[in-house]
Amino acid sequence: MKQTMKIKGTLRIGDKVRLFLMFDDVVKKSSKMSLMETIGMARDIGAMEKMQEEIQQQALLMQQPDCVTIPYEDWKKYQYKVDDIIWIEITSDEKMER
């Protein structure tokens, strides 16, 4: 799985640098609704609950950003800074023994 992430902060800890990350969506959905859509949605309690859950999830993710720790030499080589966009790739090794 590959995901683009935006660097929201950096912190050097000895010979390591911690990058604080937030998901970066290339296409962001619009949160503006017309008055008629808002009224129609107010009638549907399930839709309102779903919207509230999405807002709570977004707030939680913004308060607790993900982080990755890299060697200082790598940070110095690429000079990562706030608002840079990076790719994070997560792979699983099914052959790995536990």
Protein backbone atom coordinates (compact mmCIF):
# COMPACT_ATOMS: atom_id res chain seq x y z
CA MET A 1 0.00 0.00 0.00
CA LYS A 2 1.34 3.43 -0.94
CA GLN A 3 0.04 6.63 0.64
CA THR A 4 1.00 10.26 0.22
CA MET A 5 1.54 12.09 3.48
CA LYS A 6 2.34 15.68 4.36
CA ILE A 7 5.04 16.48 6.93
CA LYS A 8 3.52 18.52 9.75
CA GLY A 9 6.60 18.70 11.96
CA THR A 10 10.08 17.34 12.63
CA LEU A 11 11.95 16.57 15.84
CA ARG A 12 15.60 15.58 16.11
CA ILE A 13 16.37 13.03 18.82
CA GLY A 14 20.10 12.30 18.86
CA ASP A 15 21.04 10.55 15.61
CA LYS A 16 17.39 10.14 14.56
CA VAL A 17 14.75 12.54 13.22
CA ARG A 18 11.06 11.99 13.82
CA LEU A 19 8.71 13.14 11.03
CA PHE A 20 5.14 13.94 12.13
CA LEU A 21 2.75 13.13 9.29
CA MET A 22 -0.84 13.73 8.20
CA PHE A 23 -2.63 12.02 5.33
CA ASP A 24 -2.56 14.09 2.16
CA ASP A 25 -5.60 13.53 -0.01
CA VAL A 26 -5.04 14.55 -3.60
CA VAL A 27 -8.77 14.99 -4.07
CA LYS A 28 -10.53 16.51 -1.09
CA LYS A 29 -14.27 16.18 -0.83
CA SER A 30 -16.22 19.37 -0.49
CA SER A 31 -17.87 19.94 2.87
CA LYS A 32 -20.12 22.77 1.68
CA MET A 33 -23.78 21.87 1.37
CA SER A 34 -26.70 23.87 0.12
CA LEU A 35 -29.50 24.83 2.49
CA MET A 36 -31.81 22.23 0.94
CA GLU A 37 -29.21 19.46 1.39
CA THR A 38 -28.75 20.44 5.04
CA ILE A 39 -32.49 20.40 5.68
CA GLY A 40 -32.85 17.05 3.90
CA MET A 41 -29.97 15.59 5.88
CA ALA A 42 -31.43 16.86 9.17
CA ARG A 43 -34.42 14.59 8.53
CA ASP A 44 -32.19 11.56 8.22
CA ILE A 45 -30.80 10.81 11.71
CA GLY A 46 -28.53 8.06 10.38
CA ALA A 47 -26.81 10.47 7.99
CA MET A 48 -26.31 13.00 10.77
CA GLU A 49 -24.74 10.35 13.01
CA LYS A 50 -22.43 9.27 10.19
CA MET A 51 -21.35 12.88 9.59
CA GLN A 52 -20.69 13.34 13.31
CA GLU A 53 -18.54 10.18 13.41
CA GLU A 54 -16.49 11.40 10.42
CA ILE A 55 -15.91 14.78 12.10
CA GLN A 56 -14.82 13.07 15.34
CA GLN A 57 -12.46 10.75 13.46
CA GLN A 58 -10.92 13.67 11.57
CA ALA A 59 -10.43 15.63 14.81
CA LEU A 60 -8.74 12.65 16.48
CA LEU A 61 -6.36 12.11 13.57
CA MET A 62 -5.42 15.81 13.55
CA GLN A 63 -4.64 15.78 17.28
CA GLN A 64 -2.49 12.65 17.09
CA PRO A 65 -0.43 12.71 13.90
CA ASP A 66 1.34 9.60 12.66
CA CYS A 67 5.11 9.63 12.84
CA VAL A 68 8.09 7.94 11.24
CA THR A 69 11.61 7.93 12.65
CA ILE A 70 14.50 8.06 10.19
CA PRO A 71 18.28 8.33 10.57
CA TYR A 72 19.62 11.90 10.79
CA GLU A 73 21.85 11.24 7.75
CA ASP A 74 18.77 10.53 5.60
CA TRP A 75 17.05 13.69 6.88
CA LYS A 76 20.19 15.74 6.18
CA LYS A 77 20.46 14.26 2.66
CA TYR A 78 16.85 15.05 1.67
CA GLN A 79 16.26 18.08 3.95
CA TYR A 80 12.64 17.17 4.75
CA LYS A 81 10.67 20.16 6.01
CA VAL A 82 7.13 21.08 7.02
CA ASP A 83 4.54 20.79 4.21
CA ASP A 84 6.72 18.50 2.07
CA ILE A 85 4.74 15.65 0.50
CA ILE A 86 6.27 12.19 0.87
CA TRP A 87 5.24 8.67 -0.13
CA ILE A 88 4.96 6.02 2.56
CA GLU A 89 4.88 2.41 1.43
CA ILE A 90 3.72 -0.35 3.73
CA THR A 91 4.31 -3.91 2.64
CA SER A 92 3.85 -7.23 4.36
CA ASP A 93 6.24 -10.11 4.17
CA GLU A 94 4.17 -13.26 4.26
CA LYS A 95 7.33 -15.36 4.50
CA MET A 96 8.34 -13.74 7.76
CA GLU A 97 8.41 -16.27 10.60
CA ARG A 98 7.00 -15.36 13.98
